Every structure is written in structure tokens, then in C-alpha cells.
């Protein structure tokens, strides 16, 4: 449970800093590297096995709650990264529309 709390706190911190445009948090790979450093290699490898194995039901029974939580947090982080990219695209479109309107 302690590992879950650490990973969750780091994920939230990275999400917030990325949303604010902090250059150290612009790349999902950089964020995943920080998460990997936080949880350690053992949990990281097990989470990767869980994610890539395709036999989720069997892996869930073998993994304790912390390991499955790390895999879930990795997916959540990737989802949040996609959300941020969508928001940036929308903001860019709004900017283009505003520029076009000001030219009229």
C-alpha cells in the first residue's frame, strides 16, 4: 500500500507539472523514468509483464495489489498525456479562430 501511495503521489505531481508546461515533464518517457525510479526495478518489471502478457486474470492473482496498481498508474499517466495533447490541440484551434476573427 505504501508503494501505491508513493506512485500515486508522483503521478499526480508529474501530471500537474506537465499541465503547467514544466519542461522537465514534457515527455511521457521522462515521467515514466521517474515513476520507474520511485517504484524500483522489481515492481517495474512485474508491472510490464502484467501489461504485456495478455493473461490479465492469471497475472492479477499472482501479483499483489501494489504491482497491479503500478500498471494501472502507467495506463492512467498515458491517458492523461493524451488528454493534455487534446487540450493543447483545442487551444491551438481556438487561437487560430481568434486570429481569423481579428483579421475580419
N, C-alpha and C. Protein backbone atom coordinates (compact mmCIF):
# COMPACT_ATOMS: atom_id res chain seq x y z
N UNK A 1 0.83 -1.20 0.00
CA UNK A 1 0.00 0.00 0.00
C UNK A 1 0.87 1.25 0.00
N UNK A 2 2.00 1.20 0.70
CA UNK A 2 2.91 2.35 0.75
C UNK A 2 3.45 2.68 -0.65
N UNK A 3 3.80 1.64 -1.41
CA UNK A 3 4.31 1.84 -2.76
C UNK A 3 3.23 2.48 -3.64
N UNK A 4 2.00 2.04 -3.46
CA UNK A 4 0.89 2.62 -4.21
C UNK A 4 0.79 4.12 -3.93
N UNK A 5 0.86 4.50 -2.67
CA UNK A 5 0.75 5.91 -2.29
C UNK A 5 1.88 6.73 -2.90
N UNK A 6 3.10 6.18 -2.88
CA UNK A 6 4.25 6.88 -3.47
C UNK A 6 4.04 7.07 -4.98
N UNK A 7 3.65 6.00 -5.64
CA UNK A 7 3.45 6.06 -7.09
C UNK A 7 2.30 7.00 -7.45
N UNK A 8 1.24 6.94 -6.69
CA UNK A 8 0.09 7.81 -6.94
C UNK A 8 0.47 9.29 -6.76
N UNK A 9 1.21 9.59 -5.69
CA UNK A 9 1.64 10.97 -5.43
C UNK A 9 2.56 11.46 -6.55
N UNK A 10 3.48 10.63 -6.99
CA UNK A 10 4.38 11.00 -8.07
C UNK A 10 3.61 11.23 -9.37
N UNK A 11 2.65 10.36 -9.65
CA UNK A 11 1.85 10.51 -10.86
C UNK A 11 1.10 11.83 -10.85
N UNK A 12 0.50 12.17 -9.72
CA UNK A 12 -0.24 13.43 -9.61
C UNK A 12 0.70 14.62 -9.77
N UNK A 13 1.87 14.55 -9.13
CA UNK A 13 2.85 15.64 -9.23
C UNK A 13 3.28 15.83 -10.69
N UNK A 14 3.59 14.74 -11.36
CA UNK A 14 4.02 14.82 -12.76
C UNK A 14 2.91 15.36 -13.64
N UNK A 15 1.69 14.91 -13.42
CA UNK A 15 0.56 15.40 -14.20
C UNK A 15 0.39 16.91 -14.03
N UNK A 16 0.46 17.38 -12.80
CA UNK A 16 0.29 18.81 -12.55
C UNK A 16 1.41 19.64 -13.18
N UNK A 17 2.65 19.17 -13.03
CA UNK A 17 3.77 19.92 -13.60
C UNK A 17 3.73 19.90 -15.13
N UNK A 18 3.31 18.78 -15.70
CA UNK A 18 3.20 18.68 -17.15
C UNK A 18 2.11 19.64 -17.64
N UNK A 19 0.98 19.68 -16.92
CA UNK A 19 -0.12 20.56 -17.31
C UNK A 19 0.29 22.03 -17.24
N UNK A 20 1.22 22.36 -16.33
CA UNK A 20 1.70 23.73 -16.20
C UNK A 20 2.81 24.05 -17.20
N UNK A 21 3.22 23.04 -17.98
CA UNK A 21 4.22 23.27 -19.02
C UNK A 21 5.66 23.18 -18.54
N UNK A 22 5.90 22.59 -17.38
CA UNK A 22 7.26 22.43 -16.87
C UNK A 22 8.06 21.60 -17.88
N UNK A 23 9.17 22.15 -18.40
CA UNK A 23 9.92 21.43 -19.44
C UNK A 23 10.49 20.08 -18.99
N UNK A 24 10.68 19.91 -17.71
CA UNK A 24 11.19 18.62 -17.20
C UNK A 24 10.12 17.54 -17.25
N UNK A 25 8.88 17.93 -17.52
CA UNK A 25 7.78 16.98 -17.51
C UNK A 25 7.03 16.95 -18.85
N UNK A 26 7.69 17.35 -19.92
CA UNK A 26 7.02 17.39 -21.22
C UNK A 26 6.97 16.03 -21.89
N UNK A 27 7.90 15.18 -21.58
CA UNK A 27 7.96 13.87 -22.23
C UNK A 27 7.39 12.80 -21.31
N UNK A 28 6.50 11.98 -21.88
CA UNK A 28 5.96 10.86 -21.11
C UNK A 28 7.08 9.93 -20.68
N UNK A 29 8.10 9.79 -21.51
CA UNK A 29 9.23 8.91 -21.17
C UNK A 29 9.96 9.41 -19.93
N UNK A 30 10.11 10.74 -19.81
CA UNK A 30 10.76 11.29 -18.62
C UNK A 30 9.93 11.00 -17.37
N UNK A 31 8.62 11.13 -17.51
CA UNK A 31 7.73 10.89 -16.38
C UNK A 31 7.77 9.41 -15.99
N UNK A 32 7.73 8.54 -16.99
CA UNK A 32 7.79 7.10 -16.69
C UNK A 32 9.12 6.73 -16.06
N UNK A 33 10.19 7.41 -16.45
CA UNK A 33 11.50 7.16 -15.84
C UNK A 33 11.46 7.50 -14.35
N UNK A 34 10.83 8.62 -14.00
CA UNK A 34 10.70 9.00 -12.59
C UNK A 34 9.86 7.99 -11.83
N UNK A 35 8.79 7.52 -12.46
CA UNK A 35 7.94 6.51 -11.82
C UNK A 35 8.73 5.23 -11.61
N UNK A 36 9.50 4.84 -12.61
CA UNK A 36 10.31 3.62 -12.51
C UNK A 36 11.32 3.73 -11.38
N UNK A 37 11.96 4.90 -11.26
CA UNK A 37 12.92 5.11 -10.17
C UNK A 37 12.23 5.05 -8.81
N UNK A 38 11.01 5.53 -8.75
CA UNK A 38 10.28 5.56 -7.49
C UNK A 38 9.88 4.16 -7.04
N UNK A 39 9.37 3.33 -7.95
CA UNK A 39 8.87 2.02 -7.55
C UNK A 39 9.94 0.94 -7.53
N UNK A 40 11.05 1.15 -8.24
CA UNK A 40 12.12 0.16 -8.26
C UNK A 40 11.95 -0.85 -9.39
N UNK A 41 13.04 -1.52 -9.71
CA UNK A 41 13.06 -2.42 -10.86
C UNK A 41 12.15 -3.64 -10.70
N UNK A 42 12.08 -4.20 -9.50
CA UNK A 42 11.28 -5.40 -9.31
C UNK A 42 9.82 -5.14 -9.64
N UNK A 43 9.25 -4.10 -9.04
CA UNK A 43 7.85 -3.78 -9.31
C UNK A 43 7.66 -3.35 -10.77
N UNK A 44 8.62 -2.62 -11.29
CA UNK A 44 8.51 -2.14 -12.67
C UNK A 44 8.43 -3.31 -13.65
N UNK A 45 9.33 -4.29 -13.49
CA UNK A 45 9.33 -5.45 -14.39
C UNK A 45 8.03 -6.24 -14.28
N UNK A 46 7.58 -6.42 -13.07
CA UNK A 46 6.34 -7.17 -12.88
C UNK A 46 5.15 -6.43 -13.50
N UNK A 47 5.15 -5.12 -13.38
CA UNK A 47 4.08 -4.32 -13.99
C UNK A 47 4.13 -4.44 -15.51
N UNK A 48 5.33 -4.44 -16.07
CA UNK A 48 5.47 -4.60 -17.53
C UNK A 48 4.98 -5.97 -17.97
N UNK A 49 5.33 -7.00 -17.20
CA UNK A 49 4.86 -8.34 -17.53
C UNK A 49 3.33 -8.38 -17.51
N UNK A 50 2.76 -7.75 -16.52
CA UNK A 50 1.30 -7.71 -16.41
C UNK A 50 0.69 -7.02 -17.62
N UNK A 51 1.31 -5.93 -18.03
CA UNK A 51 0.76 -5.13 -19.10
C UNK A 51 0.90 -5.81 -20.46
N UNK A 52 1.98 -6.54 -20.68
CA UNK A 52 2.25 -7.10 -22.00
C UNK A 52 1.87 -8.56 -22.13
N UNK A 53 1.59 -9.22 -21.04
CA UNK A 53 1.34 -10.66 -21.08
C UNK A 53 0.04 -11.03 -21.76
N UNK A 54 -1.00 -10.26 -21.56
CA UNK A 54 -2.27 -10.57 -22.17
C UNK A 54 -3.12 -11.54 -21.37
N UNK A 55 -2.56 -12.09 -20.32
CA UNK A 55 -3.32 -13.00 -19.47
C UNK A 55 -3.61 -12.30 -18.15
N UNK A 56 -4.38 -11.24 -18.22
CA UNK A 56 -4.60 -10.38 -17.07
C UNK A 56 -5.16 -11.14 -15.86
N UNK A 57 -6.13 -11.97 -16.08
CA UNK A 57 -6.75 -12.65 -14.94
C UNK A 57 -5.74 -13.49 -14.17
N UNK A 58 -4.90 -14.22 -14.89
CA UNK A 58 -3.89 -15.05 -14.23
C UNK A 58 -2.85 -14.19 -13.53
N UNK A 59 -2.43 -13.10 -14.17
CA UNK A 59 -1.42 -12.24 -13.58
C UNK A 59 -1.94 -11.52 -12.34
N UNK A 60 -3.21 -11.13 -12.35
CA UNK A 60 -3.76 -10.43 -11.20
C UNK A 60 -3.70 -11.32 -9.97
N UNK A 61 -3.96 -12.60 -10.14
CA UNK A 61 -3.91 -13.50 -8.99
C UNK A 61 -2.48 -13.70 -8.50
N UNK A 62 -1.50 -13.54 -9.37
CA UNK A 62 -0.10 -13.72 -8.99
C UNK A 62 0.51 -12.46 -8.40
N UNK A 63 0.00 -11.33 -8.82
CA UNK A 63 0.59 -10.06 -8.39
C UNK A 63 -0.14 -9.54 -7.17
N UNK A 64 0.59 -8.92 -6.29
CA UNK A 64 -0.11 -8.30 -5.17
C UNK A 64 -0.66 -6.94 -5.59
N UNK A 65 -1.41 -6.29 -4.75
CA UNK A 65 -2.08 -5.04 -5.09
C UNK A 65 -1.15 -3.95 -5.57
N UNK A 66 0.04 -3.89 -5.02
CA UNK A 66 0.96 -2.82 -5.40
C UNK A 66 1.40 -2.94 -6.84
N UNK A 67 1.69 -4.14 -7.27
CA UNK A 67 2.17 -4.33 -8.63
C UNK A 67 1.09 -4.01 -9.66
N UNK A 68 -0.13 -4.45 -9.40
CA UNK A 68 -1.20 -4.15 -10.35
C UNK A 68 -1.52 -2.66 -10.34
N UNK A 69 -1.33 -2.02 -9.21
CA UNK A 69 -1.56 -0.58 -9.11
C UNK A 69 -0.56 0.18 -9.98
N UNK A 70 0.68 -0.24 -9.99
CA UNK A 70 1.70 0.42 -10.81
C UNK A 70 1.31 0.33 -12.29
N UNK A 71 0.87 -0.83 -12.72
CA UNK A 71 0.45 -0.99 -14.12
C UNK A 71 -0.73 -0.06 -14.42
N UNK A 72 -1.67 0.04 -13.50
CA UNK A 72 -2.83 0.91 -13.69
C UNK A 72 -2.39 2.37 -13.74
N UNK A 73 -1.44 2.74 -12.88
CA UNK A 73 -0.96 4.11 -12.87
C UNK A 73 -0.23 4.45 -14.17
N UNK A 74 0.50 3.50 -14.72
CA UNK A 74 1.16 3.73 -16.00
C UNK A 74 0.12 4.01 -17.08
N UNK A 75 -0.96 3.24 -17.08
CA UNK A 75 -2.02 3.46 -18.07
C UNK A 75 -2.70 4.81 -17.84
N UNK A 76 -2.96 5.15 -16.57
CA UNK A 76 -3.59 6.44 -16.26
C UNK A 76 -2.71 7.60 -16.72
N UNK A 77 -1.41 7.47 -16.50
CA UNK A 77 -0.49 8.52 -16.92
C UNK A 77 -0.51 8.69 -18.44
N UNK A 78 -0.53 7.59 -19.15
CA UNK A 78 -0.61 7.65 -20.62
C UNK A 78 -1.93 8.30 -21.05
N UNK A 79 -3.03 7.97 -20.36
CA UNK A 79 -4.32 8.58 -20.67
C UNK A 79 -4.28 10.09 -20.43
N UNK A 80 -3.68 10.49 -19.32
CA UNK A 80 -3.59 11.92 -19.01
C UNK A 80 -2.73 12.64 -20.04
N UNK A 81 -1.68 11.99 -20.52
CA UNK A 81 -0.83 12.58 -21.54
C UNK A 81 -1.64 12.81 -22.82
N UNK A 82 -2.48 11.85 -23.19
CA UNK A 82 -3.33 12.02 -24.38
C UNK A 82 -4.33 13.15 -24.16
N UNK A 83 -4.87 13.27 -22.95
CA UNK A 83 -5.80 14.35 -22.64
C UNK A 83 -5.13 15.71 -22.81
N UNK A 84 -3.91 15.83 -22.32
CA UNK A 84 -3.18 17.09 -22.42
C UNK A 84 -2.94 17.44 -23.89
N UNK A 85 -2.55 16.46 -24.69
CA UNK A 85 -2.33 16.71 -26.11
C UNK A 85 -3.62 17.18 -26.78
N UNK A 86 -4.75 16.58 -26.40
CA UNK A 86 -6.03 17.01 -26.97
C UNK A 86 -6.35 18.44 -26.57
N UNK A 87 -6.12 18.76 -25.29
CA UNK A 87 -6.39 20.11 -24.82
C UNK A 87 -5.52 21.13 -25.56
N UNK A 88 -4.25 20.80 -25.78
CA UNK A 88 -3.35 21.71 -26.49
C UNK A 88 -3.84 21.92 -27.92
N UNK A 89 -4.31 20.84 -28.56
CA UNK A 89 -4.80 20.96 -29.93
C UNK A 89 -6.04 21.85 -29.98
N UNK A 90 -6.92 21.70 -29.01
CA UNK A 90 -8.13 22.54 -28.95
C UNK A 90 -7.74 23.99 -28.74
N UNK A 91 -6.81 24.23 -27.81
CA UNK A 91 -6.38 25.60 -27.55
C UNK A 91 -5.74 26.22 -28.79
N UNK A 92 -5.00 25.43 -29.54
CA UNK A 92 -4.37 25.93 -30.76
C UNK A 92 -5.44 26.31 -31.78
N UNK A 93 -6.48 25.47 -31.90
CA UNK A 93 -7.56 25.78 -32.83
C UNK A 93 -8.29 27.05 -32.42
N UNK A 94 -8.50 27.21 -31.12
CA UNK A 94 -9.16 28.42 -30.63
C UNK A 94 -8.32 29.64 -30.96
N UNK A 95 -7.01 29.53 -30.81
CA UNK A 95 -6.10 30.63 -31.15
C UNK A 95 -6.18 30.98 -32.62
N UNK A 96 -6.22 29.99 -33.48
CA UNK A 96 -6.32 30.23 -34.92
C UNK A 96 -7.64 30.91 -35.24
N UNK A 97 -8.72 30.43 -34.62
CA UNK A 97 -10.05 31.03 -34.84
C UNK A 97 -10.04 32.48 -34.37
N UNK A 98 -9.43 32.74 -33.23
CA UNK A 98 -9.38 34.11 -32.69
C UNK A 98 -8.60 35.01 -33.64
N UNK A 99 -7.48 34.52 -34.17
CA UNK A 99 -6.69 35.30 -35.11
C UNK A 99 -7.49 35.60 -36.38
N UNK A 100 -8.20 34.61 -36.87
CA UNK A 100 -9.02 34.80 -38.08
C UNK A 100 -10.12 35.82 -37.85
N UNK A 101 -10.70 35.79 -36.66
CA UNK A 101 -11.79 36.72 -36.35
C UNK A 101 -11.25 38.15 -36.23
N UNK A 102 -10.05 38.28 -35.69
CA UNK A 102 -9.48 39.62 -35.53
C UNK A 102 -9.07 40.21 -36.87
N UNK A 103 -8.78 39.37 -37.85
CA UNK A 103 -8.42 39.85 -39.18
C UNK A 103 -9.63 40.35 -39.95
N UNK A 104 -10.81 39.85 -39.58
CA UNK A 104 -12.05 40.23 -40.31
C UNK A 104 -12.48 41.59 -39.94
